[in-house]
Amino acid sequence: MNVKQGNTYWGMVGSREVERRVNIIETRSSGTQYVNWTHIKKDGTLGKCSWMERSKFEKWAKGLFEEAEAK
């Protein structure tokens, strides 16, 4: 799945379905792309932020949960 900045994706953590919003996609000096994401809690509030390699995030994401609003 090709992830885009601002979109929210869903995937599995263990047996739980969770949502994560992509904040930033950046390329580091090594050439590897990383995604900064924020966990969306079940009540809709924002949780912790974390970094993950883009390829790993794309493997984790099972589908698009919510598309970002057009600017």
PDB file of N, CA and C in Angstrom:
ATOM      1  N   MET A   1       0.849  -1.179   0.000  1.00  0.00           N
ATOM      2  CA  MET A   1       0.000   0.000   0.000  1.00  0.00           C
ATOM      3  C   MET A   1       0.889   1.234   0.000  1.00  0.00           C
ATOM      4  N   ASN A   2       0.598   2.172  -0.870  1.00  0.00           N
ATOM      5  CA  ASN A   2       1.363   3.404  -0.974  1.00  0.00           C
ATOM      6  C   ASN A   2       0.763   4.430  -0.005  1.00  0.00           C
ATOM      7  N   VAL A   3       1.488   4.758   1.063  1.00  0.00           N
ATOM      8  CA  VAL A   3       0.961   5.670   2.082  1.00  0.00           C
ATOM      9  C   VAL A   3       1.216   7.121   1.676  1.00  0.00           C
ATOM     10  N   LYS A   4       0.303   8.002   2.128  1.00  0.00           N
ATOM     11  CA  LYS A   4       0.414   9.430   1.841  1.00  0.00           C
ATOM     12  C   LYS A   4       0.284  10.212   3.135  1.00  0.00           C
ATOM     13  N   GLN A   5       0.970  11.334   3.187  1.00  0.00           N
ATOM     14  CA  GLN A   5       0.954  12.203   4.352  1.00  0.00           C
ATOM     15  C   GLN A   5      -0.451  12.714   4.628  1.00  0.00           C
ATOM     16  N   GLY A   6      -0.869  12.685   5.901  1.00  0.00           N
ATOM     17  CA  GLY A   6      -2.173  13.193   6.312  1.00  0.00           C
ATOM     18  C   GLY A   6      -3.268  12.143   6.366  1.00  0.00           C
ATOM     19  N   ASN A   7      -3.088  11.015   5.681  1.00  0.00           N
ATOM     20  CA  ASN A   7      -4.103   9.966   5.683  1.00  0.00           C
ATOM     21  C   ASN A   7      -4.014   9.120   6.940  1.00  0.00           C
ATOM     22  N   THR A   8      -5.132   8.497   7.314  1.00  0.00           N
ATOM     23  CA  THR A   8      -5.189   7.587   8.452  1.00  0.00           C
ATOM     24  C   THR A   8      -5.376   6.175   7.919  1.00  0.00           C
ATOM     25  N   TYR A   9      -4.557   5.249   8.422  1.00  0.00           N
ATOM     26  CA  TYR A   9      -4.586   3.853   7.970  1.00  0.00           C
ATOM     27  C   TYR A   9      -4.918   2.950   9.148  1.00  0.00           C
ATOM     28  N   TRP A  10      -5.478   1.786   8.847  1.00  0.00           N
ATOM     29  CA  TRP A  10      -5.752   0.813   9.905  1.00  0.00           C
ATOM     30  C   TRP A  10      -4.908  -0.430   9.656  1.00  0.00           C
ATOM     31  N   GLY A  11      -4.616  -1.114  10.753  1.00  0.00           N
ATOM     32  CA  GLY A  11      -3.855  -2.351  10.691  1.00  0.00           C
ATOM     33  C   GLY A  11      -3.982  -3.077  12.020  1.00  0.00           C
ATOM     34  N   MET A  12      -3.284  -4.186  12.147  1.00  0.00           N
ATOM     35  CA  MET A  12      -3.388  -5.014  13.347  1.00  0.00           C
ATOM     36  C   MET A  12      -2.129  -4.888  14.199  1.00  0.00           C
ATOM     37  N   VAL A  13      -2.330  -4.810  15.519  1.00  0.00           N
ATOM     38  CA  VAL A  13      -1.262  -4.916  16.514  1.00  0.00           C
ATOM     39  C   VAL A  13      -1.689  -6.066  17.415  1.00  0.00           C
ATOM     40  N   GLY A  14      -1.060  -7.213  17.215  1.00  0.00           N
ATOM     41  CA  GLY A  14      -1.521  -8.418  17.890  1.00  0.00           C
ATOM     42  C   GLY A  14      -2.885  -8.779  17.334  1.00  0.00           C
ATOM     43  N   SER A  15      -3.883  -8.865  18.198  1.00  0.00           N
ATOM     44  CA  SER A  15      -5.238  -9.178  17.739  1.00  0.00           C
ATOM     45  C   SER A  15      -6.126  -7.934  17.694  1.00  0.00           C
ATOM     46  N   ARG A  16      -5.544  -6.770  18.006  1.00  0.00           N
ATOM     47  CA  ARG A  16      -6.323  -5.521  18.024  1.00  0.00           C
ATOM     48  C   ARG A  16      -6.193  -4.767  16.708  1.00  0.00           C
ATOM     49  N   GLU A  17      -7.299  -4.193  16.259  1.00  0.00           N
ATOM     50  CA  GLU A  17      -7.287  -3.324  15.091  1.00  0.00           C
ATOM     51  C   GLU A  17      -7.044  -1.899  15.568  1.00  0.00           C
ATOM     52  N   VAL A  18      -6.041  -1.233  15.004  1.00  0.00           N
ATOM     53  CA  VAL A  18      -5.702   0.132  15.421  1.00  0.00           C
ATOM     54  C   VAL A  18      -5.608   1.049  14.200  1.00  0.00           C
ATOM     55  N   GLU A  19      -5.732   2.357  14.457  1.00  0.00           N
ATOM     56  CA  GLU A  19      -5.608   3.360  13.414  1.00  0.00           C
ATOM     57  C   GLU A  19      -4.393   4.234  13.692  1.00  0.00           C
ATOM     58  N   ARG A  20      -3.684   4.602  12.612  1.00  0.00           N
ATOM     59  CA  ARG A  20      -2.517   5.473  12.717  1.00  0.00           C
ATOM     60  C   ARG A  20      -2.578   6.516  11.612  1.00  0.00           C
ATOM     61  N   ARG A  21      -2.370   7.799  11.992  1.00  0.00           N
ATOM     62  CA  ARG A  21      -2.352   8.890  11.011  1.00  0.00           C
ATOM     63  C   ARG A  21      -0.911   9.238  10.661  1.00  0.00           C
ATOM     64  N   VAL A  22      -0.631   9.363   9.377  1.00  0.00           N
ATOM     65  CA  VAL A  22       0.713   9.700   8.898  1.00  0.00           C
ATOM     66  C   VAL A  22       0.901  11.210   8.997  1.00  0.00           C
ATOM     67  N   ASN A  23       1.912  11.635   9.771  1.00  0.00           N
ATOM     68  CA  ASN A  23       2.205  13.056   9.931  1.00  0.00           C
ATOM     69  C   ASN A  23       3.224  13.539   8.903  1.00  0.00           C
ATOM     70  N   ILE A  24       4.345  12.819   8.800  1.00  0.00           N
ATOM     71  CA  ILE A  24       5.461  13.228   7.951  1.00  0.00           C
ATOM     72  C   ILE A  24       6.036  11.994   7.270  1.00  0.00           C
ATOM     73  N   ILE A  25       6.457  12.151   6.029  1.00  0.00           N
ATOM     74  CA  ILE A  25       7.259  11.139   5.351  1.00  0.00           C
ATOM     75  C   ILE A  25       8.553  11.835   4.956  1.00  0.00           C
ATOM     76  N   GLU A  26       9.680  11.330   5.459  1.00  0.00           N
ATOM     77  CA  GLU A  26      10.953  11.976   5.152  1.00  0.00           C
ATOM     78  C   GLU A  26      11.987  10.958   4.718  1.00  0.00           C
ATOM     79  N   THR A  27      12.940  11.426   3.923  1.00  0.00           N
ATOM     80  CA  THR A  27      14.050  10.591   3.481  1.00  0.00           C
ATOM     81  C   THR A  27      15.277  10.998   4.277  1.00  0.00           C
ATOM     82  N   ARG A  28      15.883  10.042   4.957  1.00  0.00           N
ATOM     83  CA  ARG A  28      17.073  10.312   5.752  1.00  0.00           C
ATOM     84  C   ARG A  28      18.317  10.290   4.870  1.00  0.00           C
ATOM     85  N   SER A  29      19.448  10.675   5.418  1.00  0.00           N
ATOM     86  CA  SER A  29      20.691  10.736   4.647  1.00  0.00           C
ATOM     87  C   SER A  29      21.110   9.365   4.115  1.00  0.00           C
ATOM     88  N   SER A  30      20.655   8.300   4.746  1.00  0.00           N
ATOM     89  CA  SER A  30      20.961   6.941   4.290  1.00  0.00           C
ATOM     90  C   SER A  30      20.166   6.585   3.033  1.00  0.00           C
ATOM     91  N   GLY A  31      19.155   7.400   2.705  1.00  0.00           N
ATOM     92  CA  GLY A  31      18.298   7.123   1.557  1.00  0.00           C
ATOM     93  C   GLY A  31      17.025   6.385   1.930  1.00  0.00           C
ATOM     94  N   THR A  32      16.928   5.938   3.186  1.00  0.00           N
ATOM     95  CA  THR A  32      15.745   5.214   3.653  1.00  0.00           C
ATOM     96  C   THR A  32      14.649   6.205   4.012  1.00  0.00           C
ATOM     97  N   GLN A  33      13.420   5.917   3.587  1.00  0.00           N
ATOM     98  CA  GLN A  33      12.291   6.771   3.927  1.00  0.00           C
ATOM     99  C   GLN A  33      11.666   6.304   5.236  1.00  0.00           C
ATOM    100  N   TYR A  34      11.298   7.265   6.077  1.00  0.00           N
ATOM    101  CA  TYR A  34      10.654   6.988   7.355  1.00  0.00           C
ATOM    102  C   TYR A  34       9.332   7.717   7.440  1.00  0.00           C
ATOM    103  N   VAL A  35       8.390   7.122   8.171  1.00  0.00           N
ATOM    104  CA  VAL A  35       7.056   7.688   8.382  1.00  0.00           C
ATOM    105  C   VAL A  35       6.925   8.036   9.859  1.00  0.00           C
ATOM    106  N   ASN A  36       6.490   9.269  10.143  1.00  0.00           N
ATOM    107  CA  ASN A  36       6.138   9.654  11.502  1.00  0.00           C
ATOM    108  C   ASN A  36       4.629   9.542  11.592  1.00  0.00           C
ATOM    109  N   TRP A  37       4.141   8.735  12.549  1.00  0.00           N
ATOM    110  CA  TRP A  37       2.705   8.496  12.664  1.00  0.00           C
ATOM    111  C   TRP A  37       2.234   8.741  14.091  1.00  0.00           C
ATOM    112  N   THR A  38       0.927   9.015  14.207  1.00  0.00           N
ATOM    113  CA  THR A  38       0.274   9.210  15.496  1.00  0.00           C
ATOM    114  C   THR A  38      -0.809   8.164  15.655  1.00  0.00           C
ATOM    115  N   HIS A  39      -0.819   7.499  16.807  1.00  0.00           N
ATOM    116  CA  HIS A  39      -1.853   6.509  17.123  1.00  0.00           C
ATOM    117  C   HIS A  39      -3.158   7.243  17.394  1.00  0.00           C
ATOM    118  N   ILE A  40      -4.264   6.744  16.836  1.00  0.00           N
ATOM    119  CA  ILE A  40      -5.594   7.293  17.097  1.00  0.00           C
ATOM    120  C   ILE A  40      -6.291   6.350  18.074  1.00  0.00           C
ATOM    121  N   LYS A  41      -6.612   6.872  19.272  1.00  0.00           N
ATOM    122  CA  LYS A  41      -7.258   6.050  20.294  1.00  0.00           C
ATOM    123  C   LYS A  41      -8.695   5.738  19.916  1.00  0.00           C
ATOM    124  N   LYS A  42      -9.286   4.747  20.588  1.00  0.00           N
ATOM    125  CA  LYS A  42     -10.662   4.317  20.295  1.00  0.00           C
ATOM    126  C   LYS A  42     -11.682   5.439  20.491  1.00  0.00           C
ATOM    127  N   ASP A  43     -11.394   6.371  21.415  1.00  0.00           N
ATOM    128  CA  ASP A  43     -12.321   7.487  21.634  1.00  0.00           C
ATOM    129  C   ASP A  43     -12.077   8.642  20.660  1.00  0.00           C
ATOM    130  N   GLY A  44     -11.135   8.458  19.729  1.00  0.00           N
ATOM    131  CA  GLY A  44     -10.874   9.466  18.707  1.00  0.00           C
ATOM    132  C   GLY A  44      -9.788  10.468  19.049  1.00  0.00           C
ATOM    133  N   THR A  45      -9.283  10.430  20.279  1.00  0.00           N
ATOM    134  CA  THR A  45      -8.215  11.354  20.656  1.00  0.00           C
ATOM    135  C   THR A  45      -6.875  10.845  20.140  1.00  0.00           C
ATOM    136  N   LEU A  46      -5.901  11.753  20.118  1.00  0.00           N
ATOM    137  CA  LEU A  46      -4.572  11.405  19.627  1.00  0.00           C
ATOM    138  C   LEU A  46      -3.743  10.727  20.711  1.00  0.00           C
ATOM    139  N   GLY A  47      -2.985   9.736  20.307  1.00  0.00           N
ATOM    140  CA  GLY A  47      -2.093   9.026  21.217  1.00  0.00           C
ATOM    141  C   GLY A  47      -0.652   9.408  20.940  1.00  0.00           C
ATOM    142  N   LYS A  48       0.253   8.453  21.151  1.00  0.00           N
ATOM    143  CA  LYS A  48       1.674   8.719  20.996  1.00  0.00           C
ATOM    144  C   LYS A  48       2.081   8.781  19.524  1.00  0.00           C
ATOM    145  N   CYS A  49       3.187   9.474  19.273  1.00  0.00           N
ATOM    146  CA  CYS A  49       3.784   9.549  17.948  1.00  0.00           C
ATOM    147  C   CYS A  49       5.002   8.640  17.911  1.00  0.00           C
ATOM    148  N   SER A  50       5.305   8.116  16.737  1.00  0.00           N
ATOM    149  CA  SER A  50       6.464   7.244  16.597  1.00  0.00           C
ATOM    150  C   SER A  50       6.951   7.268  15.155  1.00  0.00           C
ATOM    151  N   TRP A  51       8.155   6.728  14.939  1.00  0.00           N
ATOM    152  CA  TRP A  51       8.746   6.622  13.606  1.00  0.00           C
ATOM    153  C   TRP A  51       8.823   5.162  13.195  1.00  0.00           C
ATOM    154  N   MET A  52       8.673   4.907  11.890  1.00  0.00           N
ATOM    155  CA  MET A  52       8.790   3.561  11.347  1.00  0.00           C
ATOM    156  C   MET A  52       9.288   3.677   9.905  1.00  0.00           C
ATOM    157  N   GLU A  53      10.077   2.700   9.467  1.00  0.00           N
ATOM    158  CA  GLU A  53      10.482   2.692   8.063  1.00  0.00           C
ATOM    159  C   GLU A  53       9.235   2.628   7.198  1.00  0.00           C
ATOM    160  N   ARG A  54       9.251   3.376   6.084  1.00  0.00           N
ATOM    161  CA  ARG A  54       8.071   3.435   5.218  1.00  0.00           C
ATOM    162  C   ARG A  54       7.673   2.046   4.719  1.00  0.00           C
ATOM    163  N   SER A  55       8.650   1.224   4.345  1.00  0.00           N
ATOM    164  CA  SER A  55       8.328  -0.112   3.823  1.00  0.00           C
ATOM    165  C   SER A  55       7.630  -0.962   4.886  1.00  0.00           C
ATOM    166  N   LYS A  56       8.059  -0.844   6.145  1.00  0.00           N
ATOM    167  CA  LYS A  56       7.419  -1.602   7.225  1.00  0.00           C
ATOM    168  C   LYS A  56       6.013  -1.080   7.502  1.00  0.00           C
ATOM    169  N   PHE A  57       5.837   0.249   7.444  1.00  0.00           N
ATOM    170  CA  PHE A  57       4.511   0.827   7.659  1.00  0.00           C
ATOM    171  C   PHE A  57       3.562   0.376   6.557  1.00  0.00           C
ATOM    172  N   GLU A  58       4.046   0.354   5.318  1.00  0.00           N
ATOM    173  CA  GLU A  58       3.202  -0.058   4.197  1.00  0.00           C
ATOM    174  C   GLU A  58       2.808  -1.526   4.302  1.00  0.00           C
ATOM    175  N   LYS A  59       3.684  -2.368   4.856  1.00  0.00           N
ATOM    176  CA  LYS A  59       3.339  -3.775   5.086  1.00  0.00           C
ATOM    177  C   LYS A  59       2.322  -3.896   6.221  1.00  0.00           C
ATOM    178  N   TRP A  60       2.456  -3.048   7.255  1.00  0.00           N
ATOM    179  CA  TRP A  60       1.544  -3.080   8.400  1.00  0.00           C
ATOM    180  C   TRP A  60       0.131  -2.644   7.997  1.00  0.00           C
ATOM    181  N   ALA A  61       0.034  -1.591   7.166  1.00  0.00           N
ATOM    182  CA  ALA A  61      -1.264  -1.006   6.813  1.00  0.00           C
ATOM    183  C   ALA A  61      -2.101  -1.989   5.994  1.00  0.00           C
ATOM    184  N   LYS A  62      -3.300  -2.277   6.492  1.00  0.00           N
ATOM    185  CA  LYS A  62      -4.219  -3.182   5.799  1.00  0.00           C
ATOM    186  C   LYS A  62      -5.187  -2.428   4.902  1.00  0.00           C
ATOM    187  N   GLY A  63      -5.389  -1.131   5.184  1.00  0.00           N
ATOM    188  CA  GLY A  63      -6.301  -0.355   4.366  1.00  0.00           C
ATOM    189  C   GLY A  63      -6.347   1.093   4.809  1.00  0.00           C
ATOM    190  N   LEU A  64      -6.965   1.928   3.966  1.00  0.00           N
ATOM    191  CA  LEU A  64      -7.147   3.340   4.254  1.00  0.00           C
ATOM    192  C   LEU A  64      -8.357   3.500   5.165  1.00  0.00           C
ATOM    193  N   PHE A  65      -8.161   4.155   6.316  1.00  0.00           N
ATOM    194  CA  PHE A  65      -9.261   4.383   7.258  1.00  0.00           C
ATOM    195  C   PHE A  65      -9.946   5.707   6.956  1.00  0.00           C
ATOM    196  N   GLU A  66      -9.144   6.758   6.714  1.00  0.00           N
ATOM    197  CA  GLU A  66      -9.696   8.083   6.449  1.00  0.00           C
ATOM    198  C   GLU A  66      -8.706   8.871   5.601  1.00  0.00           C
ATOM    199  N   GLU A  67      -9.207   9.459   4.525  1.00  0.00           N
ATOM    200  CA  GLU A  67      -8.339  10.237   3.641  1.00  0.00           C
ATOM    201  C   GLU A  67      -8.265  11.675   4.139  1.00  0.00           C
ATOM    202  N   ALA A  68      -7.089  12.286   3.993  1.00  0.00           N
ATOM    203  CA  ALA A  68      -6.891  13.674   4.422  1.00  0.00           C
ATOM    204  C   ALA A  68      -7.725  14.603   3.561  1.00  0.00           C
ATOM    205  N   GLU A  69      -8.137  15.721   4.148  1.00  0.00           N
ATOM    206  CA  GLU A  69      -8.907  16.706   3.402  1.00  0.00           C
ATOM    207  C   GLU A  69      -7.992  17.405   2.390  1.00  0.00           C
ATOM    208  N   ALA A  70      -8.506  17.680   1.211  1.00  0.00           N
ATOM    209  CA  ALA A  70      -7.733  18.385   0.192  1.00  0.00           C
ATOM    210  C   ALA A  70      -7.478  19.821   0.636  1.00  0.00           C
ATOM    211  N   LYS A  71      -6.279  20.308   0.360  1.00  0.00           N
ATOM    212  CA  LYS A  71      -5.932  21.675   0.780  1.00  0.00           C
ATOM    213  C   LYS A  71      -6.224  22.671  -0.311  1.00  0.00           C
TER     214      LYS A  71
END
